[in-house]
Amino acid sequence: MVENENASKEEQIGFHKGALSTLAKERQEFLKLVNIVEQLMQMHVKALQELGVDLQKMAEETKTNADSKPIEDIVKKEQKK
């Protein structure tokens, strides 16, 4: 960052502290979002398991598949069966 030569040292310190404070809050909110997404994914995994979908088998097939298809393609393939 190019520092403004006219800005006092105190202003620069305040700017950086404010930026860090804002970024720390953003990180906290991001982690909350990640946790929500993880909970939703676990709910879907549980529902699929209750419906008899073998996710472990799908994961193993993905590992052995040389094409390494995205999970979306694998799930679509399972839906067509």
Protein backbone atom coordinates (compact mmCIF):
# COMPACT_ATOMS: atom_id res chain seq x y z
CA MET A 1 0.00 0.00 0.00
CA VAL A 2 1.32 3.40 -0.90
CA GLU A 3 1.16 5.55 2.20
CA ASN A 4 -0.10 9.08 1.87
CA GLU A 5 2.83 11.27 2.85
CA ASN A 6 0.45 13.89 4.24
CA ALA A 7 -1.30 11.43 6.55
CA SER A 8 0.02 11.45 10.06
CA LYS A 9 1.39 8.33 11.65
CA GLU A 10 -1.62 8.23 13.98
CA GLU A 11 -4.01 8.36 11.00
CA GLN A 12 -2.15 5.53 9.31
CA ILE A 13 -2.22 3.44 12.50
CA GLY A 14 -5.94 4.12 12.86
CA PHE A 15 -6.57 3.14 9.27
CA HIS A 16 -4.75 -0.18 9.63
CA LYS A 17 -6.38 -0.98 12.97
CA GLY A 18 -9.79 -0.24 11.49
CA ALA A 19 -9.06 -2.44 8.49
CA LEU A 20 -7.97 -5.31 10.73
CA SER A 21 -11.04 -4.92 12.91
CA THR A 22 -13.33 -5.00 9.87
CA LEU A 23 -11.53 -7.98 8.36
CA ALA A 24 -11.70 -9.90 11.65
CA LYS A 25 -15.48 -9.37 11.75
CA GLU A 26 -15.76 -10.43 8.11
CA ARG A 27 -13.79 -13.58 8.90
CA GLN A 28 -16.14 -14.39 11.79
CA GLU A 29 -19.16 -14.02 9.54
CA PHE A 30 -17.51 -16.12 6.85
CA LEU A 31 -16.86 -18.91 9.35
CA LYS A 32 -20.51 -18.78 10.43
CA LEU A 33 -21.50 -19.20 6.79
CA VAL A 34 -19.11 -22.13 6.35
CA ASN A 35 -20.60 -23.81 9.43
CA ILE A 36 -24.13 -23.37 8.09
CA VAL A 37 -23.13 -24.84 4.73
CA GLU A 38 -21.47 -27.79 6.51
CA GLN A 39 -24.64 -28.43 8.56
CA LEU A 40 -26.77 -28.35 5.42
CA MET A 41 -24.42 -30.74 3.65
CA GLN A 42 -24.57 -33.14 6.60
CA MET A 43 -28.37 -33.03 6.51
CA HIS A 44 -28.33 -33.96 2.83
CA VAL A 45 -25.80 -36.75 3.43
CA LYS A 46 -28.01 -38.17 6.17
CA ALA A 47 -31.10 -37.97 3.95
CA LEU A 48 -29.29 -39.72 1.09
CA GLN A 49 -28.10 -42.45 3.42
CA GLU A 50 -31.66 -42.94 4.71
CA LEU A 51 -32.76 -43.28 1.08
CA GLY A 52 -30.21 -46.03 0.54
CA VAL A 53 -27.60 -44.11 -1.44
CA ASP A 54 -24.13 -45.52 -0.77
CA LEU A 55 -22.04 -42.37 -0.56
CA GLN A 56 -18.92 -44.32 0.41
CA LYS A 57 -19.20 -46.33 -2.80
CA MET A 58 -19.68 -43.12 -4.81
CA ALA A 59 -16.60 -41.62 -3.16
CA GLU A 60 -14.51 -44.68 -3.97
CA GLU A 61 -15.69 -44.64 -7.58
CA THR A 62 -14.70 -41.01 -7.80
CA LYS A 63 -11.20 -41.76 -6.53
CA THR A 64 -10.69 -44.57 -9.02
CA ASN A 65 -12.17 -42.59 -11.90
CA ALA A 66 -9.26 -41.25 -13.95
CA ASP A 67 -11.46 -38.44 -15.33
CA SER A 68 -12.09 -37.13 -11.83
CA LYS A 69 -15.54 -35.79 -12.63
CA PRO A 70 -17.09 -33.05 -10.50
CA ILE A 71 -19.49 -34.26 -7.79
CA GLU A 72 -22.38 -32.60 -9.64
CA ASP A 73 -21.84 -34.91 -12.61
CA ILE A 74 -21.64 -37.98 -10.39
CA VAL A 75 -24.85 -37.08 -8.57
CA LYS A 76 -26.63 -36.45 -11.88
CA LYS A 77 -25.47 -39.86 -13.09
CA GLU A 78 -26.91 -41.47 -9.94
CA GLN A 79 -30.22 -39.64 -10.44
CA LYS A 80 -30.62 -41.09 -13.93
CA LYS A 81 -30.41 -44.69 -12.65
